[in-house]
Amino acid sequence: MFELRIAEAIEEEAVLSQNLIEEGFNHAFKAGELLQEVKSMLSSEEELEQWLQENCSKVEKGVASSCMRLFNGETVKVQATKKEEMNHKRERG
C-alpha cells in the first residue's frame, strides 16, 4: 500500500513539474517575442540594454538574452537549483 501511495505522489509531482516547466517556457517565449519587438525599435544592443535597465529593472540581462534566444529558435540552457540555495545566492549577491 505504501509503495502505491508513494508512486502516485511521485507521478503527481513529476507531471506537475513538467507542466510548470512548459508553462515557464511559454512565458519566456512570450517575453522574448516582446523583447524582440522592442529591439527592432532601437538602434543597437547597447540601447536595448539601457532600455531594459530603465524599464525592466527586475529582469536580469542574462534572462532577457535567454528569452530572446528561445524566441529566435536557439538552444537555451536552463539551470535549476533548490529554492533555499537560490534565496541564499540572492542574499549574498
PDB file of N, CA and C in Angstrom:
ATOM      1  N   MET A   1       0.825  -1.197   0.000  1.00  0.00           N
ATOM      2  CA  MET A   1       0.000   0.000   0.000  1.00  0.00           C
ATOM      3  C   MET A   1       0.869   1.261   0.000  1.00  0.00           C
ATOM      4  N   PHE A   2       1.932   1.249   0.821  1.00  0.00           N
ATOM      5  CA  PHE A   2       2.836   2.404   0.880  1.00  0.00           C
ATOM      6  C   PHE A   2       3.459   2.672  -0.477  1.00  0.00           C
ATOM      7  N   GLU A   3       3.891   1.600  -1.166  1.00  0.00           N
ATOM      8  CA  GLU A   3       4.525   1.755  -2.465  1.00  0.00           C
ATOM      9  C   GLU A   3       3.596   2.421  -3.469  1.00  0.00           C
ATOM     10  N   LEU A   4       2.322   2.076  -3.400  1.00  0.00           N
ATOM     11  CA  LEU A   4       1.347   2.656  -4.317  1.00  0.00           C
ATOM     12  C   LEU A   4       1.158   4.143  -4.035  1.00  0.00           C
ATOM     13  N   ARG A   5       1.066   4.510  -2.767  1.00  0.00           N
ATOM     14  CA  ARG A   5       0.880   5.926  -2.414  1.00  0.00           C
ATOM     15  C   ARG A   5       2.101   6.744  -2.806  1.00  0.00           C
ATOM     16  N   ILE A   6       3.275   6.230  -2.560  1.00  0.00           N
ATOM     17  CA  ILE A   6       4.483   6.988  -2.906  1.00  0.00           C
ATOM     18  C   ILE A   6       4.637   7.077  -4.426  1.00  0.00           C
ATOM     19  N   ALA A   7       4.292   6.011  -5.128  1.00  0.00           N
ATOM     20  CA  ALA A   7       4.367   6.038  -6.593  1.00  0.00           C
ATOM     21  C   ALA A   7       3.396   7.075  -7.156  1.00  0.00           C
ATOM     22  N   GLU A   8       2.200   7.133  -6.593  1.00  0.00           N
ATOM     23  CA  GLU A   8       1.227   8.134  -7.042  1.00  0.00           C
ATOM     24  C   GLU A   8       1.726   9.546  -6.758  1.00  0.00           C
ATOM     25  N   ALA A   9       2.332   9.739  -5.599  1.00  0.00           N
ATOM     26  CA  ALA A   9       2.859  11.060  -5.229  1.00  0.00           C
ATOM     27  C   ALA A   9       4.001  11.466  -6.158  1.00  0.00           C
ATOM     28  N   ILE A  10       4.882  10.532  -6.461  1.00  0.00           N
ATOM     29  CA  ILE A  10       5.995  10.808  -7.373  1.00  0.00           C
ATOM     30  C   ILE A  10       5.457  11.185  -8.744  1.00  0.00           C
ATOM     31  N   GLU A  11       4.517  10.403  -9.236  1.00  0.00           N
ATOM     32  CA  GLU A  11       3.940  10.667 -10.546  1.00  0.00           C
ATOM     33  C   GLU A  11       3.256  12.036 -10.574  1.00  0.00           C
ATOM     34  N   GLU A  12       2.496  12.346  -9.530  1.00  0.00           N
ATOM     35  CA  GLU A  12       1.799  13.634  -9.458  1.00  0.00           C
ATOM     36  C   GLU A  12       2.790  14.801  -9.464  1.00  0.00           C
ATOM     37  N   GLU A  13       3.841  14.692  -8.670  1.00  0.00           N
ATOM     38  CA  GLU A  13       4.839  15.765  -8.599  1.00  0.00           C
ATOM     39  C   GLU A  13       5.596  15.912  -9.919  1.00  0.00           C
ATOM     40  N   ALA A  14       5.946  14.802 -10.535  1.00  0.00           N
ATOM     41  CA  ALA A  14       6.685  14.857 -11.803  1.00  0.00           C
ATOM     42  C   ALA A  14       5.835  15.469 -12.911  1.00  0.00           C
ATOM     43  N   VAL A  15       4.557  15.093 -12.983  1.00  0.00           N
ATOM     44  CA  VAL A  15       3.668  15.656 -14.002  1.00  0.00           C
ATOM     45  C   VAL A  15       3.459  17.141 -13.747  1.00  0.00           C
ATOM     46  N   LEU A  16       3.226  17.520 -12.492  1.00  0.00           N
ATOM     47  CA  LEU A  16       3.061  18.933 -12.153  1.00  0.00           C
ATOM     48  C   LEU A  16       4.317  19.718 -12.517  1.00  0.00           C
ATOM     49  N   SER A  17       5.474  19.174 -12.214  1.00  0.00           N
ATOM     50  CA  SER A  17       6.736  19.824 -12.544  1.00  0.00           C
ATOM     51  C   SER A  17       6.867  20.036 -14.046  1.00  0.00           C
ATOM     52  N   GLN A  18       6.576  19.018 -14.815  1.00  0.00           N
ATOM     53  CA  GLN A  18       6.667  19.125 -16.279  1.00  0.00           C
ATOM     54  C   GLN A  18       5.717  20.197 -16.807  1.00  0.00           C
ATOM     55  N   ASN A  19       4.493  20.219 -16.264  1.00  0.00           N
ATOM     56  CA  ASN A  19       3.522  21.228 -16.703  1.00  0.00           C
ATOM     57  C   ASN A  19       4.005  22.633 -16.380  1.00  0.00           C
ATOM     58  N   LEU A  20       4.583  22.837 -15.205  1.00  0.00           N
ATOM     59  CA  LEU A  20       5.072  24.157 -14.817  1.00  0.00           C
ATOM     60  C   LEU A  20       6.289  24.571 -15.649  1.00  0.00           C
ATOM     61  N   ILE A  21       7.147  23.614 -15.969  1.00  0.00           N
ATOM     62  CA  ILE A  21       8.300  23.910 -16.830  1.00  0.00           C
ATOM     63  C   ILE A  21       7.806  24.362 -18.201  1.00  0.00           C
ATOM     64  N   GLU A  22       6.842  23.647 -18.758  1.00  0.00           N
ATOM     65  CA  GLU A  22       6.289  24.026 -20.056  1.00  0.00           C
ATOM     66  C   GLU A  22       5.652  25.410 -19.989  1.00  0.00           C
ATOM     67  N   GLU A  23       4.917  25.682 -18.919  1.00  0.00           N
ATOM     68  CA  GLU A  23       4.302  26.999 -18.750  1.00  0.00           C
ATOM     69  C   GLU A  23       5.375  28.082 -18.649  1.00  0.00           C
ATOM     70  N   GLY A  24       6.450  27.795 -17.927  1.00  0.00           N
ATOM     71  CA  GLY A  24       7.553  28.747 -17.808  1.00  0.00           C
ATOM     72  C   GLY A  24       8.194  29.040 -19.152  1.00  0.00           C
ATOM     73  N   PHE A  25       8.382  28.012 -19.962  1.00  0.00           N
ATOM     74  CA  PHE A  25       8.956  28.229 -21.292  1.00  0.00           C
ATOM     75  C   PHE A  25       8.009  29.045 -22.170  1.00  0.00           C
ATOM     76  N   ASN A  26       6.712  28.826 -22.021  1.00  0.00           N
ATOM     77  CA  ASN A  26       5.752  29.633 -22.786  1.00  0.00           C
ATOM     78  C   ASN A  26       5.861  31.112 -22.410  1.00  0.00           C
ATOM     79  N   HIS A  27       6.010  31.390 -21.111  1.00  0.00           N
ATOM     80  CA  HIS A  27       6.181  32.780 -20.670  1.00  0.00           C
ATOM     81  C   HIS A  27       7.507  33.355 -21.162  1.00  0.00           C
ATOM     82  N   ALA A  28       8.555  32.550 -21.102  1.00  0.00           N
ATOM     83  CA  ALA A  28       9.865  33.009 -21.577  1.00  0.00           C
ATOM     84  C   ALA A  28       9.812  33.305 -23.074  1.00  0.00           C
ATOM     85  N   PHE A  29       9.126  32.466 -23.827  1.00  0.00           N
ATOM     86  CA  PHE A  29       8.980  32.680 -25.266  1.00  0.00           C
ATOM     87  C   PHE A  29       8.255  33.993 -25.532  1.00  0.00           C
ATOM     88  N   LYS A  30       7.164  34.244 -24.802  1.00  0.00           N
ATOM     89  CA  LYS A  30       6.403  35.486 -24.983  1.00  0.00           C
ATOM     90  C   LYS A  30       7.253  36.696 -24.602  1.00  0.00           C
ATOM     91  N   ALA A  31       8.009  36.591 -23.506  1.00  0.00           N
ATOM     92  CA  ALA A  31       8.905  37.683 -23.120  1.00  0.00           C
ATOM     93  C   ALA A  31       9.926  37.936 -24.228  1.00  0.00           C
ATOM     94  N   GLY A  32      10.459  36.874 -24.805  1.00  0.00           N
ATOM     95  CA  GLY A  32      11.408  37.011 -25.904  1.00  0.00           C
ATOM     96  C   GLY A  32      10.793  37.689 -27.106  1.00  0.00           C
ATOM     97  N   GLU A  33       9.554  37.353 -27.403  1.00  0.00           N
ATOM     98  CA  GLU A  33       8.848  37.990 -28.511  1.00  0.00           C
ATOM     99  C   GLU A  33       8.703  39.501 -28.265  1.00  0.00           C
ATOM    100  N   LEU A  34       8.322  39.868 -27.043  1.00  0.00           N
ATOM    101  CA  LEU A  34       8.165  41.282 -26.710  1.00  0.00           C
ATOM    102  C   LEU A  34       9.506  42.006 -26.722  1.00  0.00           C
ATOM    103  N   LEU A  35      10.543  41.346 -26.217  1.00  0.00           N
ATOM    104  CA  LEU A  35      11.877  41.942 -26.237  1.00  0.00           C
ATOM    105  C   LEU A  35      12.355  42.154 -27.673  1.00  0.00           C
ATOM    106  N   GLN A  36      12.079  41.194 -28.528  1.00  0.00           N
ATOM    107  CA  GLN A  36      12.476  41.318 -29.936  1.00  0.00           C
ATOM    108  C   GLN A  36      11.760  42.501 -30.578  1.00  0.00           C
ATOM    109  N   GLU A  37      10.509  42.715 -30.197  1.00  0.00           N
ATOM    110  CA  GLU A  37       9.757  43.858 -30.718  1.00  0.00           C
ATOM    111  C   GLU A  37      10.402  45.172 -30.287  1.00  0.00           C
ATOM    112  N   VAL A  38      10.794  45.254 -29.013  1.00  0.00           N
ATOM    113  CA  VAL A  38      11.468  46.461 -28.514  1.00  0.00           C
ATOM    114  C   VAL A  38      12.795  46.641 -29.230  1.00  0.00           C
ATOM    115  N   LYS A  39      13.541  45.549 -29.363  1.00  0.00           N
ATOM    116  CA  LYS A  39      14.849  45.609 -30.026  1.00  0.00           C
ATOM    117  C   LYS A  39      14.733  46.145 -31.446  1.00  0.00           C
ATOM    118  N   SER A  40      13.677  45.759 -32.141  1.00  0.00           N
ATOM    119  CA  SER A  40      13.504  46.216 -33.526  1.00  0.00           C
ATOM    120  C   SER A  40      13.256  47.723 -33.607  1.00  0.00           C
ATOM    121  N   MET A  41      12.845  48.334 -32.511  1.00  0.00           N
ATOM    122  CA  MET A  41      12.596  49.781 -32.491  1.00  0.00           C
ATOM    123  C   MET A  41      13.837  50.579 -32.099  1.00  0.00           C
ATOM    124  N   LEU A  42      14.885  49.871 -31.668  1.00  0.00           N
ATOM    125  CA  LEU A  42      16.101  50.535 -31.205  1.00  0.00           C
ATOM    126  C   LEU A  42      17.235  50.320 -32.197  1.00  0.00           C
ATOM    127  N   SER A  43      18.295  51.092 -32.030  1.00  0.00           N
ATOM    128  CA  SER A  43      19.396  51.072 -32.990  1.00  0.00           C
ATOM    129  C   SER A  43      20.492  50.064 -32.672  1.00  0.00           C
ATOM    130  N   SER A  44      20.629  49.680 -31.384  1.00  0.00           N
ATOM    131  CA  SER A  44      21.769  48.843 -31.025  1.00  0.00           C
ATOM    132  C   SER A  44      21.466  48.011 -29.783  1.00  0.00           C
ATOM    133  N   GLU A  45      22.343  47.040 -29.554  1.00  0.00           N
ATOM    134  CA  GLU A  45      22.254  46.213 -28.347  1.00  0.00           C
ATOM    135  C   GLU A  45      22.403  47.073 -27.092  1.00  0.00           C
ATOM    136  N   GLU A  46      23.280  48.073 -27.174  1.00  0.00           N
ATOM    137  CA  GLU A  46      23.505  48.956 -26.026  1.00  0.00           C
ATOM    138  C   GLU A  46      22.229  49.704 -25.672  1.00  0.00           C
ATOM    139  N   GLU A  47      21.499  50.162 -26.685  1.00  0.00           N
ATOM    140  CA  GLU A  47      20.237  50.851 -26.433  1.00  0.00           C
ATOM    141  C   GLU A  47      19.225  49.905 -25.801  1.00  0.00           C
ATOM    142  N   LEU A  48      19.212  48.657 -26.243  1.00  0.00           N
ATOM    143  CA  LEU A  48      18.309  47.670 -25.646  1.00  0.00           C
ATOM    144  C   LEU A  48      18.664  47.445 -24.183  1.00  0.00           C
ATOM    145  N   GLU A  49      19.957  47.293 -23.888  1.00  0.00           N
ATOM    146  CA  GLU A  49      20.385  47.108 -22.500  1.00  0.00           C
ATOM    147  C   GLU A  49      19.986  48.295 -21.639  1.00  0.00           C
ATOM    148  N   GLN A  50      20.173  49.491 -22.159  1.00  0.00           N
ATOM    149  CA  GLN A  50      19.794  50.695 -21.416  1.00  0.00           C
ATOM    150  C   GLN A  50      18.277  50.735 -21.218  1.00  0.00           C
ATOM    151  N   TRP A  51      17.532  50.393 -22.253  1.00  0.00           N
ATOM    152  CA  TRP A  51      16.076  50.388 -22.162  1.00  0.00           C
ATOM    153  C   TRP A  51      15.624  49.402 -21.086  1.00  0.00           C
ATOM    154  N   LEU A  52      16.245  48.223 -21.076  1.00  0.00           N
ATOM    155  CA  LEU A  52      15.907  47.224 -20.064  1.00  0.00           C
ATOM    156  C   LEU A  52      16.199  47.733 -18.654  1.00  0.00           C
ATOM    157  N   GLN A  53      17.364  48.360 -18.456  1.00  0.00           N
ATOM    158  CA  GLN A  53      17.718  48.893 -17.140  1.00  0.00           C
ATOM    159  C   GLN A  53      16.707  49.930 -16.681  1.00  0.00           C
ATOM    160  N   GLU A  54      16.252  50.762 -17.592  1.00  0.00           N
ATOM    161  CA  GLU A  54      15.331  51.841 -17.244  1.00  0.00           C
ATOM    162  C   GLU A  54      13.890  51.365 -17.084  1.00  0.00           C
ATOM    163  N   ASN A  55      13.495  50.338 -17.819  1.00  0.00           N
ATOM    164  CA  ASN A  55      12.087  49.952 -17.867  1.00  0.00           C
ATOM    165  C   ASN A  55      11.763  48.585 -17.284  1.00  0.00           C
ATOM    166  N   CYS A  56      12.746  47.716 -17.191  1.00  0.00           N
ATOM    167  CA  CYS A  56      12.518  46.342 -16.701  1.00  0.00           C
ATOM    168  C   CYS A  56      13.617  45.963 -15.717  1.00  0.00           C
ATOM    169  N   SER A  57      13.764  46.744 -14.674  1.00  0.00           N
ATOM    170  CA  SER A  57      14.890  46.568 -13.748  1.00  0.00           C
ATOM    171  C   SER A  57      14.876  45.219 -13.028  1.00  0.00           C
ATOM    172  N   LYS A  58      13.738  44.550 -12.986  1.00  0.00           N
ATOM    173  CA  LYS A  58      13.656  43.243 -12.316  1.00  0.00           C
ATOM    174  C   LYS A  58      14.128  42.099 -13.216  1.00  0.00           C
ATOM    175  N   VAL A  59      14.361  42.395 -14.500  1.00  0.00           N
ATOM    176  CA  VAL A  59      14.773  41.363 -15.460  1.00  0.00           C
ATOM    177  C   VAL A  59      16.280  41.414 -15.619  1.00  0.00           C
ATOM    178  N   GLU A  60      16.939  40.324 -15.255  1.00  0.00           N
ATOM    179  CA  GLU A  60      18.391  40.254 -15.407  1.00  0.00           C
ATOM    180  C   GLU A  60      18.739  40.178 -16.893  1.00  0.00           C
ATOM    181  N   LYS A  61      19.889  40.725 -17.226  1.00  0.00           N
ATOM    182  CA  LYS A  61      20.347  40.750 -18.620  1.00  0.00           C
ATOM    183  C   LYS A  61      20.401  39.334 -19.208  1.00  0.00           C
ATOM    184  N   GLY A  62      20.921  38.395 -18.451  1.00  0.00           N
ATOM    185  CA  GLY A  62      21.025  37.019 -18.937  1.00  0.00           C
ATOM    186  C   GLY A  62      19.673  36.375 -19.188  1.00  0.00           C
ATOM    187  N   VAL A  63      18.698  36.698 -18.345  1.00  0.00           N
ATOM    188  CA  VAL A  63      17.349  36.161 -18.525  1.00  0.00           C
ATOM    189  C   VAL A  63      16.738  36.737 -19.799  1.00  0.00           C
ATOM    190  N   ALA A  64      16.881  38.040 -19.985  1.00  0.00           N
ATOM    191  CA  ALA A  64      16.356  38.684 -21.195  1.00  0.00           C
ATOM    192  C   ALA A  64      16.995  38.068 -22.435  1.00  0.00           C
ATOM    193  N   SER A  65      18.296  37.866 -22.381  1.00  0.00           N
ATOM    194  CA  SER A  65      19.012  37.273 -23.511  1.00  0.00           C
ATOM    195  C   SER A  65      18.517  35.859 -23.797  1.00  0.00           C
ATOM    196  N   SER A  66      18.308  35.072 -22.753  1.00  0.00           N
ATOM    197  CA  SER A  66      17.802  33.701 -22.929  1.00  0.00           C
ATOM    198  C   SER A  66      16.403  33.704 -23.525  1.00  0.00           C
ATOM    199  N   CYS A  67      15.553  34.613 -23.077  1.00  0.00           N
ATOM    200  CA  CYS A  67      14.193  34.703 -23.620  1.00  0.00           C
ATOM    201  C   CYS A  67      14.234  35.039 -25.104  1.00  0.00           C
ATOM    202  N   MET A  68      15.097  35.955 -25.485  1.00  0.00           N
ATOM    203  CA  MET A  68      15.203  36.322 -26.894  1.00  0.00           C
ATOM    204  C   MET A  68      15.749  35.165 -27.724  1.00  0.00           C
ATOM    205  N   ARG A  69      16.751  34.468 -27.196  1.00  0.00           N
ATOM    206  CA  ARG A  69      17.305  33.314 -27.922  1.00  0.00           C
ATOM    207  C   ARG A  69      16.240  32.229 -28.091  1.00  0.00           C
ATOM    208  N   LEU A  70      15.467  31.987 -27.045  1.00  0.00           N
ATOM    209  CA  LEU A  70      14.399  30.994 -27.124  1.00  0.00           C
ATOM    210  C   LEU A  70      13.387  31.388 -28.199  1.00  0.00           C
ATOM    211  N   PHE A  71      12.977  32.648 -28.201  1.00  0.00           N
ATOM    212  CA  PHE A  71      12.033  33.128 -29.209  1.00  0.00           C
ATOM    213  C   PHE A  71      12.597  32.968 -30.617  1.00  0.00           C
ATOM    214  N   ASN A  72      13.900  33.187 -30.766  1.00  0.00           N
ATOM    215  CA  ASN A  72      14.546  33.096 -32.075  1.00  0.00           C
ATOM    216  C   ASN A  72      14.895  31.667 -32.477  1.00  0.00           C
ATOM    217  N   GLY A  73      14.474  30.693 -31.676  1.00  0.00           N
ATOM    218  CA  GLY A  73      14.663  29.295 -32.040  1.00  0.00           C
ATOM    219  C   GLY A  73      16.017  28.718 -31.683  1.00  0.00           C
ATOM    220  N   GLU A  74      16.776  29.426 -30.870  1.00  0.00           N
ATOM    221  CA  GLU A  74      18.090  28.940 -30.464  1.00  0.00           C
ATOM    222  C   GLU A  74      17.965  28.047 -29.224  1.00  0.00           C
ATOM    223  N   THR A  75      18.986  27.283 -28.979  1.00  0.00           N
ATOM    224  CA  THR A  75      19.033  26.445 -27.788  1.00  0.00           C
ATOM    225  C   THR A  75      19.314  27.305 -26.572  1.00  0.00           C
ATOM    226  N   VAL A  76      18.571  27.054 -25.506  1.00  0.00           N
ATOM    227  CA  VAL A  76      18.724  27.817 -24.272  1.00  0.00           C
ATOM    228  C   VAL A  76      19.055  26.847 -23.144  1.00  0.00           C
ATOM    229  N   LYS A  77      20.085  27.160 -22.385  1.00  0.00           N
ATOM    230  CA  LYS A  77      20.479  26.336 -21.250  1.00  0.00           C
ATOM    231  C   LYS A  77      19.672  26.770 -20.028  1.00  0.00           C
ATOM    232  N   VAL A  78      19.129  25.798 -19.313  1.00  0.00           N
ATOM    233  CA  VAL A  78      18.351  26.073 -18.114  1.00  0.00           C
ATOM    234  C   VAL A  78      19.090  25.479 -16.926  1.00  0.00           C
ATOM    235  N   GLN A  79      19.191  26.256 -15.867  1.00  0.00           N
ATOM    236  CA  GLN A  79      19.857  25.783 -14.659  1.00  0.00           C
ATOM    237  C   GLN A  79      18.848  25.789 -13.524  1.00  0.00           C
ATOM    238  N   ALA A  80      18.749  24.686 -12.827  1.00  0.00           N
ATOM    239  CA  ALA A  80      17.819  24.585 -11.708  1.00  0.00           C
ATOM    240  C   ALA A  80      18.602  24.368 -10.420  1.00  0.00           C
ATOM    241  N   THR A  81      18.157  25.035  -9.375  1.00  0.00           N
ATOM    242  CA  THR A  81      18.742  24.845  -8.058  1.00  0.00           C
ATOM    243  C   THR A  81      17.621  24.730  -7.044  1.00  0.00           C
ATOM    244  N   LYS A  82      17.959  24.220  -5.877  1.00  0.00           N
ATOM    245  CA  LYS A  82      16.972  24.157  -4.815  1.00  0.00           C
ATOM    246  C   LYS A  82      16.623  25.567  -4.379  1.00  0.00           C
ATOM    247  N   LYS A  83      15.402  25.761  -3.964  1.00  0.00           N
ATOM    248  CA  LYS A  83      14.917  27.085  -3.602  1.00  0.00           C
ATOM    249  C   LYS A  83      15.765  27.719  -2.501  1.00  0.00           C
ATOM    250  N   GLU A  84      16.169  26.959  -1.508  1.00  0.00           N
ATOM    251  CA  GLU A  84      16.974  27.505  -0.420  1.00  0.00           C
ATOM    252  C   GLU A  84      18.295  28.061  -0.942  1.00  0.00           C
ATOM    253  N   GLU A  85      18.902  27.365  -1.911  1.00  0.00           N
ATOM    254  CA  GLU A  85      20.164  27.819  -2.494  1.00  0.00           C
ATOM    255  C   GLU A  85      19.959  29.104  -3.272  1.00  0.00           C
ATOM    256  N   MET A  86      18.847  29.206  -3.994  1.00  0.00           N
ATOM    257  CA  MET A  86      18.568  30.419  -4.760  1.00  0.00           C
ATOM    258  C   MET A  86      18.391  31.594  -3.826  1.00  0.00           C
ATOM    259  N   ASN A  87      17.662  31.420  -2.728  1.00  0.00           N
ATOM    260  CA  ASN A  87      17.456  32.511  -1.780  1.00  0.00           C
ATOM    261  C   ASN A  87      18.773  32.905  -1.144  1.00  0.00           C
ATOM    262  N   HIS A  88      19.623  31.935  -0.848  1.00  0.00           N
ATOM    263  CA  HIS A  88      20.925  32.228  -0.249  1.00  0.00           C
ATOM    264  C   HIS A  88      21.784  33.030  -1.216  1.00  0.00           C
ATOM    265  N   LYS A  89      21.759  32.666  -2.500  1.00  0.00           N
ATOM    266  CA  LYS A  89      22.526  33.400  -3.507  1.00  0.00           C
ATOM    267  C   LYS A  89      22.033  34.831  -3.621  1.00  0.00           C
ATOM    268  N   ARG A  90      20.721  35.044  -3.546  1.00  0.00           N
ATOM    269  CA  ARG A  90      20.182  36.402  -3.626  1.00  0.00           C
ATOM    270  C   ARG A  90      20.639  37.232  -2.435  1.00  0.00           C
ATOM    271  N   GLU A  91      20.685  36.626  -1.255  1.00  0.00           N
ATOM    272  CA  GLU A  91      21.099  37.359  -0.068  1.00  0.00           C
ATOM    273  C   GLU A  91      22.552  37.779  -0.164  1.00  0.00           C
ATOM    274  N   ARG A  92      23.400  36.931  -0.762  1.00  0.00           N
ATOM    275  CA  ARG A  92      24.819  37.240  -0.880  1.00  0.00           C
ATOM    276  C   ARG A  92      25.106  38.209  -2.017  1.00  0.00           C
ATOM    277  N   GLY A  93      24.346  38.103  -3.071  1.00  0.00           N
ATOM    278  CA  GLY A  93      24.759  38.814  -4.261  1.00  0.00           C
ATOM    279  C   GLY A  93      23.832  39.824  -4.738  1.00  0.00           C
TER     280      GLY A  93
END
